[in-house]
Each structure stands twice: as structure tokens, then as C-alpha cells.
Amino acid sequence: MSSATGILGRKVGMTQVFNEAGLRVGVTVLEVGPCKVLQVKDVENDGYYALQLGFGEKKEKNTSKPLQGHFAKAGAKPAPYVGEIRLAAAAEDKQGEEVTVSIFEGVQKVDVTGTSKGKGFAGTIKRYNFQRQRATHGNSKNHRTLGSLGRHMSINKGVPKGKKMPGHMGNAKVTVQGLKVVKIDPDNHLLLIEGAIPGPNGGFVVVNKSIQEKVRKDKEKRPKY
């Protein structure tokens, strides 16, 4: 069995299923794997343990010569998505082996990382859920602008670092933790998880066994008195 704690994939879309209690649940369908192990990293050579995985296929003519050689070493076809899964210990997997959705058998929760939808330039009301300023009784006519920038401006120190201001919204790396696994379909390489995840349909995602899942298993191992 693979020692990988995560896998690469893409978001297919959302749908609805019925759980054991007969309740309708909104789920996100992910196509995860199969992923070829392109490289096995260890502490001696790389300073950390990890598996480098490739997901999907693309034409060789769209792949640089160095990358073609890298994929050829693992006996894999060029992949559009390449990512690393960090490990706590040395990997049991070998270069050229496959990692499939079956690594989530028995797993109850996962963490999903994706790139959120880009929404362009946005003001503070849309970006940070600020409230409007008063629109009547002689108040400022700048109803949607943010308030004071703080004392930094009066002492010529500029805008404070981290100040919430208008700017680019979305198109950022986002991780949603503790999502419930609803169903695993190994034949079609599908993973159904409860709720929504970042990004558009077809977007690249990384699915890892949840930190909450590790805590749950540690509790199960503890002796009961």
C-alpha cells in the first residue's frame, strides 16, 4: 500500500447525493489520480521526505526537453500538473509507481487546497465585508470608501502593513480543512466530499488526509482505562 498521505486531481463540479439518513447532501466531485510517482525525495539528498507526483497528460511538443527527460526516468507521460506531497517519514513508494484514490479508504476527513476564482479589483465592501458609511444627515459623500487609515498617516509612516484596503480579490491559494468524505469510486478515480472547495470546475486541486483525521487516529490508539 502507498505511503502517500495526499494526491493530485481536479475539480469536476458539484452535485447532490442522499446520505444514510435519507437527507440530501451537497457534494463536490473530484477526479483524483492515478498519479505517477515522478521522484522520491529523502532527507539525505533533499533535506525532507516527499513524493513528487504527476497528474494528467499533455503533448510532448508542449513539454520542454529537460522535463521530458524527467518524466521518462519515471516511465511516465508528460503531465500538466506536478506537485509534492510532504511526508513525515521515508516513503515506501518507488519511482514509477502509481498513487490512486484508494489511499483514502477508511479516511473520514480530508483537506483540499485549490486556487480560488479570480474576481479582479474589488473594494473593501466586497473584499472584506465592510459596511457602507451613512448616506444621510450631512455625512461624507464617499459612501463606499474605507474609513481612517490610522495614525500612521499623520506621522508620515505611510499605510500600516496589513491594512485592509481595496485591491485584487481571489486567484489565491486556499485550503479548506476537515471536509467529510462521502464516497470513494476507485473504478472511475472519483472522490465525493461534502461541501464546496475553492476554484472553478476543472481547476487543479491537492487532496490530503486531514489534520483532524490524524488526531482522531491518535486518540483511537490511546489505551482506554
C-alpha atoms as a PDB file:
ATOM      1  CA  MET A   1       0.000   0.000   0.000  1.00  0.00           C
ATOM      2  CA  SER A   2       1.153   3.521  -0.814  1.00  0.00           C
ATOM      3  CA  SER A   3       2.615   5.659   1.977  1.00  0.00           C
ATOM      4  CA  ALA A   4       1.303   8.831   0.313  1.00  0.00           C
ATOM      5  CA  THR A   5      -0.927  10.987   2.510  1.00  0.00           C
ATOM      6  CA  GLY A   6      -2.284  13.004  -0.406  1.00  0.00           C
ATOM      7  CA  ILE A   7      -2.922  13.051  -4.138  1.00  0.00           C
ATOM      8  CA  LEU A   8      -3.348  15.467  -7.047  1.00  0.00           C
ATOM      9  CA  GLY A   9      -6.544  15.912  -9.025  1.00  0.00           C
ATOM     10  CA  ARG A  10      -9.064  18.326 -10.480  1.00  0.00           C
ATOM     11  CA  LYS A  11     -12.491  19.623  -9.560  1.00  0.00           C
ATOM     12  CA  VAL A  12     -15.252  18.132 -11.726  1.00  0.00           C
ATOM     13  CA  GLY A  13     -18.218  20.013 -10.257  1.00  0.00           C
ATOM     14  CA  MET A  14     -20.948  19.865  -7.625  1.00  0.00           C
ATOM     15  CA  THR A  15     -23.992  17.620  -7.303  1.00  0.00           C
ATOM     16  CA  GLN A  16     -26.275  16.141  -4.646  1.00  0.00           C
ATOM     17  CA  VAL A  17     -26.457  12.715  -3.051  1.00  0.00           C
ATOM     18  CA  PHE A  18     -28.537  11.149  -0.280  1.00  0.00           C
ATOM     19  CA  ASN A  19     -26.801  10.009   2.894  1.00  0.00           C
ATOM     20  CA  GLU A  20     -27.670   7.011   5.070  1.00  0.00           C
ATOM     21  CA  ALA A  21     -30.300   9.045   6.932  1.00  0.00           C
ATOM     22  CA  GLY A  22     -32.049   9.873   3.664  1.00  0.00           C
ATOM     23  CA  LEU A  23     -31.015  13.530   3.778  1.00  0.00           C
ATOM     24  CA  ARG A  24     -29.873  15.344   0.659  1.00  0.00           C
ATOM     25  CA  VAL A  25     -26.248  16.493   0.840  1.00  0.00           C
ATOM     26  CA  GLY A  26     -24.380  18.839  -1.488  1.00  0.00           C
ATOM     27  CA  VAL A  27     -21.065  17.305  -2.569  1.00  0.00           C
ATOM     28  CA  THR A  28     -18.108  18.252  -4.740  1.00  0.00           C
ATOM     29  CA  VAL A  29     -16.894  15.610  -7.191  1.00  0.00           C
ATOM     30  CA  LEU A  30     -13.113  15.386  -7.580  1.00  0.00           C
ATOM     31  CA  GLU A  31     -11.203  13.353 -10.145  1.00  0.00           C
ATOM     32  CA  VAL A  32      -8.056  12.340  -8.256  1.00  0.00           C
ATOM     33  CA  GLY A  33      -5.305  10.235  -9.736  1.00  0.00           C
ATOM     34  CA  PRO A  34      -3.995   7.960 -10.868  1.00  0.00           C
ATOM     35  CA  CYS A  35      -0.758   9.865 -10.250  1.00  0.00           C
ATOM     36  CA  LYS A  36       2.684   8.609 -11.249  1.00  0.00           C
ATOM     37  CA  VAL A  37       5.461   8.919  -8.686  1.00  0.00           C
ATOM     38  CA  LEU A  38       7.990  11.047 -10.581  1.00  0.00           C
ATOM     39  CA  GLN A  39      10.525  11.381  -7.775  1.00  0.00           C
ATOM     40  CA  VAL A  40      11.011  10.125  -4.225  1.00  0.00           C
ATOM     41  CA  LYS A  41      12.677  12.742  -2.011  1.00  0.00           C
ATOM     42  CA  ASP A  42      14.510  11.991   1.223  1.00  0.00           C
ATOM     43  CA  VAL A  43      16.398  13.800   3.968  1.00  0.00           C
ATOM     44  CA  GLU A  44      19.846  12.721   2.746  1.00  0.00           C
ATOM     45  CA  ASN A  45      19.506  14.207  -0.736  1.00  0.00           C
ATOM     46  CA  ASP A  46      16.758  16.815  -0.457  1.00  0.00           C
ATOM     47  CA  GLY A  47      16.502  17.688   3.233  1.00  0.00           C
ATOM     48  CA  TYR A  48      12.935  16.396   3.650  1.00  0.00           C
ATOM     49  CA  TYR A  49      10.658  13.475   2.810  1.00  0.00           C
ATOM     50  CA  ALA A  50       8.201  13.880  -0.040  1.00  0.00           C
ATOM     51  CA  LEU A  51       6.688  12.287  -3.120  1.00  0.00           C
ATOM     52  CA  GLN A  52       6.636  14.231  -6.373  1.00  0.00           C
ATOM     53  CA  LEU A  53       3.507  13.276  -8.309  1.00  0.00           C
ATOM     54  CA  GLY A  54       2.279  13.987 -11.819  1.00  0.00           C
ATOM     55  CA  PHE A  55      -1.392  14.184 -12.784  1.00  0.00           C
ATOM     56  CA  GLY A  56      -2.995  14.222 -16.233  1.00  0.00           C
ATOM     57  CA  GLU A  57      -1.431  14.069 -19.678  1.00  0.00           C
ATOM     58  CA  LYS A  58      -0.224  16.632 -22.180  1.00  0.00           C
ATOM     59  CA  LYS A  59       1.574  16.520 -25.544  1.00  0.00           C
ATOM     60  CA  GLU A  60       5.332  16.100 -25.649  1.00  0.00           C
ATOM     61  CA  LYS A  61       5.674  19.044 -28.036  1.00  0.00           C
ATOM     62  CA  ASN A  62       4.320  21.288 -25.260  1.00  0.00           C
ATOM     63  CA  THR A  63       6.897  19.959 -22.782  1.00  0.00           C
ATOM     64  CA  SER A  64      10.475  21.198 -22.501  1.00  0.00           C
ATOM     65  CA  LYS A  65      13.343  18.770 -23.165  1.00  0.00           C
ATOM     66  CA  PRO A  66      14.553  18.714 -19.523  1.00  0.00           C
ATOM     67  CA  LEU A  67      11.045  17.886 -18.309  1.00  0.00           C
ATOM     68  CA  GLN A  68      10.648  15.200 -20.972  1.00  0.00           C
ATOM     69  CA  GLY A  69      13.765  13.521 -19.559  1.00  0.00           C
ATOM     70  CA  HIS A  70      12.437  13.884 -16.004  1.00  0.00           C
ATOM     71  CA  PHE A  71       9.154  12.173 -16.915  1.00  0.00           C
ATOM     72  CA  ALA A  72      10.982   9.493 -18.922  1.00  0.00           C
ATOM     73  CA  LYS A  73      13.019   8.452 -15.848  1.00  0.00           C
ATOM     74  CA  ALA A  74       9.772   7.545 -14.092  1.00  0.00           C
ATOM     75  CA  GLY A  75       8.320   5.869 -17.186  1.00  0.00           C
ATOM     76  CA  ALA A  76       5.538   8.445 -17.240  1.00  0.00           C
ATOM     77  CA  LYS A  77       3.963  10.579 -19.932  1.00  0.00           C
ATOM     78  CA  PRO A  78       4.300  14.375 -19.637  1.00  0.00           C
ATOM     79  CA  ALA A  79       1.833  15.726 -17.070  1.00  0.00           C
ATOM     80  CA  PRO A  80       0.348  19.230 -16.938  1.00  0.00           C
ATOM     81  CA  TYR A  81       0.183  19.151 -13.131  1.00  0.00           C
ATOM     82  CA  VAL A  82       3.164  18.302 -10.943  1.00  0.00           C
ATOM     83  CA  GLY A  83       3.140  18.642  -7.171  1.00  0.00           C
ATOM     84  CA  GLU A  84       4.705  17.357  -3.977  1.00  0.00           C
ATOM     85  CA  ILE A  85       3.127  15.526  -1.065  1.00  0.00           C
ATOM     86  CA  ARG A  86       5.196  16.032   2.082  1.00  0.00           C
ATOM     87  CA  LEU A  87       5.731  13.005   4.331  1.00  0.00           C
ATOM     88  CA  ALA A  88       6.725  12.598   7.957  1.00  0.00           C
ATOM     89  CA  ALA A  89       8.922   9.554   7.253  1.00  0.00           C
ATOM     90  CA  ALA A  90      10.677   7.844   4.367  1.00  0.00           C
ATOM     91  CA  ALA A  91       8.346   6.825   1.547  1.00  0.00           C
ATOM     92  CA  GLU A  92       7.683   3.182   0.753  1.00  0.00           C
ATOM     93  CA  ASP A  93       6.706   4.060  -2.823  1.00  0.00           C
ATOM     94  CA  LYS A  94       9.149   3.667  -5.703  1.00  0.00           C
ATOM     95  CA  GLN A  95       9.672   5.892  -8.715  1.00  0.00           C
ATOM     96  CA  GLY A  96       7.244   4.964 -11.496  1.00  0.00           C
ATOM     97  CA  GLU A  97       4.552   3.528  -9.202  1.00  0.00           C
ATOM     98  CA  GLU A  98       1.016   4.872  -9.157  1.00  0.00           C
ATOM     99  CA  VAL A  99      -0.915   6.559  -6.347  1.00  0.00           C
ATOM    100  CA  THR A 100      -4.699   6.172  -6.591  1.00  0.00           C
ATOM    101  CA  VAL A 101      -7.803   7.326  -4.746  1.00  0.00           C
ATOM    102  CA  SER A 102      -7.727   4.092  -2.741  1.00  0.00           C
ATOM    103  CA  ILE A 103      -5.336   5.782  -0.258  1.00  0.00           C
ATOM    104  CA  PHE A 104      -8.467   7.392   1.230  1.00  0.00           C
ATOM    105  CA  GLU A 105     -10.135   4.078   2.081  1.00  0.00           C
ATOM    106  CA  GLY A 106     -11.309   4.366   5.691  1.00  0.00           C
ATOM    107  CA  VAL A 107     -10.480   8.090   5.845  1.00  0.00           C
ATOM    108  CA  GLN A 108     -13.295  10.265   7.182  1.00  0.00           C
ATOM    109  CA  LYS A 109     -11.968  13.792   6.530  1.00  0.00           C
ATOM    110  CA  VAL A 110      -9.621  15.474   4.048  1.00  0.00           C
ATOM    111  CA  ASP A 111      -8.029  18.888   3.479  1.00  0.00           C
ATOM    112  CA  VAL A 112      -8.354  20.317  -0.040  1.00  0.00           C
ATOM    113  CA  THR A 113      -6.066  23.006  -1.487  1.00  0.00           C
ATOM    114  CA  GLY A 114      -7.004  24.895  -4.638  1.00  0.00           C
ATOM    115  CA  THR A 115      -6.763  28.284  -6.336  1.00  0.00           C
ATOM    116  CA  SER A 116      -9.791  30.466  -5.690  1.00  0.00           C
ATOM    117  CA  LYS A 117     -11.668  32.159  -8.515  1.00  0.00           C
ATOM    118  CA  GLY A 118     -10.155  35.485  -9.541  1.00  0.00           C
ATOM    119  CA  LYS A 119     -12.602  38.389  -9.158  1.00  0.00           C
ATOM    120  CA  GLY A 120     -10.427  41.301 -10.239  1.00  0.00           C
ATOM    121  CA  PHE A 121     -10.112  44.612  -8.399  1.00  0.00           C
ATOM    122  CA  ALA A 122     -12.629  44.917  -5.565  1.00  0.00           C
ATOM    123  CA  GLY A 123     -13.467  47.434  -2.882  1.00  0.00           C
ATOM    124  CA  THR A 124     -13.433  46.772   0.831  1.00  0.00           C
ATOM    125  CA  ILE A 125     -17.182  46.070   0.997  1.00  0.00           C
ATOM    126  CA  LYS A 126     -16.927  43.129  -1.388  1.00  0.00           C
ATOM    127  CA  ARG A 127     -13.405  42.072  -0.437  1.00  0.00           C
ATOM    128  CA  TYR A 128     -13.644  42.217   3.370  1.00  0.00           C
ATOM    129  CA  ASN A 129     -17.403  42.566   4.026  1.00  0.00           C
ATOM    130  CA  PHE A 130     -17.081  46.155   5.310  1.00  0.00           C
ATOM    131  CA  GLN A 131     -20.230  48.194   5.914  1.00  0.00           C
ATOM    132  CA  ARG A 132     -21.259  51.283   3.965  1.00  0.00           C
ATOM    133  CA  GLN A 133     -20.896  54.719   5.512  1.00  0.00           C
ATOM    134  CA  ARG A 134     -24.003  56.733   6.346  1.00  0.00           C
ATOM    135  CA  ALA A 135     -25.806  58.123   3.310  1.00  0.00           C
ATOM    136  CA  THR A 136     -27.754  60.936   5.043  1.00  0.00           C
ATOM    137  CA  HIS A 137     -27.594  63.676   7.720  1.00  0.00           C
ATOM    138  CA  GLY A 138     -24.619  65.541   6.351  1.00  0.00           C
ATOM    139  CA  ASN A 139     -22.195  62.628   6.393  1.00  0.00           C
ATOM    140  CA  SER A 140     -19.405  62.229   3.850  1.00  0.00           C
ATOM    141  CA  LYS A 141     -20.457  61.615   0.260  1.00  0.00           C
ATOM    142  CA  ASN A 142     -17.875  58.806  -0.028  1.00  0.00           C
ATOM    143  CA  HIS A 143     -20.327  56.106   0.997  1.00  0.00           C
ATOM    144  CA  ARG A 144     -18.345  53.017  -0.081  1.00  0.00           C
ATOM    145  CA  THR A 145     -14.824  54.108   0.836  1.00  0.00           C
ATOM    146  CA  LEU A 146     -12.957  52.731   3.840  1.00  0.00           C
ATOM    147  CA  GLY A 147     -12.546  54.784   7.000  1.00  0.00           C
ATOM    148  CA  SER A 148      -9.422  56.136   8.658  1.00  0.00           C
ATOM    149  CA  LEU A 149      -6.028  54.724   7.734  1.00  0.00           C
ATOM    150  CA  GLY A 150      -4.833  55.204  11.304  1.00  0.00           C
ATOM    151  CA  ARG A 151      -2.299  57.482  12.975  1.00  0.00           C
ATOM    152  CA  HIS A 152       0.489  56.252  10.674  1.00  0.00           C
ATOM    153  CA  MET A 153      -0.603  58.791   8.050  1.00  0.00           C
ATOM    154  CA  SER A 154      -0.361  61.745  10.449  1.00  0.00           C
ATOM    155  CA  ILE A 155       3.199  60.837  11.491  1.00  0.00           C
ATOM    156  CA  ASN A 156       4.346  60.198   7.905  1.00  0.00           C
ATOM    157  CA  LYS A 157       4.785  56.447   8.226  1.00  0.00           C
ATOM    158  CA  GLY A 158       2.515  55.569   5.325  1.00  0.00           C
ATOM    159  CA  VAL A 159      -0.194  52.944   5.311  1.00  0.00           C
ATOM    160  CA  PRO A 160       0.176  50.341   8.115  1.00  0.00           C
ATOM    161  CA  LYS A 161       1.314  46.930   6.923  1.00  0.00           C
ATOM    162  CA  GLY A 162      -1.595  44.506   6.529  1.00  0.00           C
ATOM    163  CA  LYS A 163      -4.249  47.257   6.404  1.00  0.00           C
ATOM    164  CA  LYS A 164      -7.427  46.016   4.717  1.00  0.00           C
ATOM    165  CA  MET A 165      -7.802  48.096   1.562  1.00  0.00           C
ATOM    166  CA  PRO A 166      -9.228  47.812  -1.954  1.00  0.00           C
ATOM    167  CA  GLY A 167      -7.214  45.519  -4.216  1.00  0.00           C
ATOM    168  CA  HIS A 168      -7.060  42.299  -6.182  1.00  0.00           C
ATOM    169  CA  MET A 169      -9.566  39.719  -4.926  1.00  0.00           C
ATOM    170  CA  GLY A 170      -9.331  35.962  -5.390  1.00  0.00           C
ATOM    171  CA  ASN A 171      -6.886  33.955  -7.525  1.00  0.00           C
ATOM    172  CA  ALA A 172      -5.067  32.884  -4.361  1.00  0.00           C
ATOM    173  CA  LYS A 173      -4.047  29.577  -2.825  1.00  0.00           C
ATOM    174  CA  VAL A 174      -6.761  28.481  -0.381  1.00  0.00           C
ATOM    175  CA  THR A 175      -7.005  25.387   1.843  1.00  0.00           C
ATOM    176  CA  VAL A 176     -10.291  24.132   3.297  1.00  0.00           C
ATOM    177  CA  GLN A 177      -9.772  21.738   6.204  1.00  0.00           C
ATOM    178  CA  GLY A 178     -11.862  18.953   7.676  1.00  0.00           C
ATOM    179  CA  LEU A 179     -14.122  18.182   4.712  1.00  0.00           C
ATOM    180  CA  LYS A 180     -16.109  14.968   5.130  1.00  0.00           C
ATOM    181  CA  VAL A 181     -15.523  12.128   2.663  1.00  0.00           C
ATOM    182  CA  VAL A 182     -18.927  10.967   1.381  1.00  0.00           C
ATOM    183  CA  LYS A 183     -17.956   8.329  -1.191  1.00  0.00           C
ATOM    184  CA  ILE A 184     -14.952   6.827  -2.985  1.00  0.00           C
ATOM    185  CA  ASP A 185     -15.220   5.432  -6.525  1.00  0.00           C
ATOM    186  CA  PRO A 186     -11.911   3.653  -7.298  1.00  0.00           C
ATOM    187  CA  ASP A 187     -13.072   2.425 -10.714  1.00  0.00           C
ATOM    188  CA  ASN A 188     -13.608   5.960 -12.011  1.00  0.00           C
ATOM    189  CA  HIS A 189     -10.970   7.633  -9.796  1.00  0.00           C
ATOM    190  CA  LEU A 190     -13.607   9.843  -8.154  1.00  0.00           C
ATOM    191  CA  LEU A 191     -13.805  11.252  -4.659  1.00  0.00           C
ATOM    192  CA  LEU A 192     -17.031  12.814  -3.345  1.00  0.00           C
ATOM    193  CA  ILE A 193     -16.630  15.224  -0.455  1.00  0.00           C
ATOM    194  CA  GLU A 194     -19.274  17.188   1.424  1.00  0.00           C
ATOM    195  CA  GLY A 195     -19.421  20.928   0.792  1.00  0.00           C
ATOM    196  CA  ALA A 196     -17.647  23.280  -1.591  1.00  0.00           C
ATOM    197  CA  ILE A 197     -13.963  23.725  -2.377  1.00  0.00           C
ATOM    198  CA  PRO A 198     -12.001  26.649  -3.860  1.00  0.00           C
ATOM    199  CA  GLY A 199     -11.681  27.179  -7.596  1.00  0.00           C
ATOM    200  CA  PRO A 200     -13.640  26.693 -10.826  1.00  0.00           C
ATOM    201  CA  ASN A 201     -14.700  23.420 -12.417  1.00  0.00           C
ATOM    202  CA  GLY A 202     -11.629  21.835 -13.975  1.00  0.00           C
ATOM    203  CA  GLY A 203      -9.330  23.587 -11.506  1.00  0.00           C
ATOM    204  CA  PHE A 204      -6.268  21.789 -10.133  1.00  0.00           C
ATOM    205  CA  VAL A 205      -6.501  20.636  -6.501  1.00  0.00           C
ATOM    206  CA  VAL A 206      -4.360  18.834  -3.914  1.00  0.00           C
ATOM    207  CA  VAL A 207      -6.190  16.495  -1.520  1.00  0.00           C
ATOM    208  CA  ASN A 208      -4.514  15.464   1.745  1.00  0.00           C
ATOM    209  CA  LYS A 209      -5.623  13.375   4.667  1.00  0.00           C
ATOM    210  CA  SER A 210      -6.924  15.886   7.191  1.00  0.00           C
ATOM    211  CA  ILE A 211      -5.014  17.006  10.259  1.00  0.00           C
ATOM    212  CA  GLN A 212      -8.236  16.237  12.161  1.00  0.00           C
ATOM    213  CA  GLU A 213      -8.053  12.683  10.786  1.00  0.00           C
ATOM    214  CA  LYS A 214      -4.565  12.239  12.258  1.00  0.00           C
ATOM    215  CA  VAL A 215      -5.776  13.483  15.649  1.00  0.00           C
ATOM    216  CA  ARG A 216      -8.717  11.044  15.551  1.00  0.00           C
ATOM    217  CA  LYS A 217      -6.466   8.067  14.804  1.00  0.00           C
ATOM    218  CA  ASP A 218      -4.058   9.080  17.577  1.00  0.00           C
ATOM    219  CA  LYS A 219      -6.964   9.096  20.041  1.00  0.00           C
ATOM    220  CA  GLU A 220      -8.044   5.618  18.891  1.00  0.00           C
ATOM    221  CA  LYS A 221      -4.540   4.292  19.584  1.00  0.00           C
ATOM    222  CA  ARG A 222      -4.533   5.549  23.157  1.00  0.00           C
ATOM    223  CA  PRO A 223      -5.264   2.873  25.785  1.00  0.00           C
ATOM    224  CA  LYS A 224      -8.727   3.015  27.352  1.00  0.00           C
ATOM    225  CA  TYR A 225      -8.891   2.756  31.129  1.00  0.00           C
END
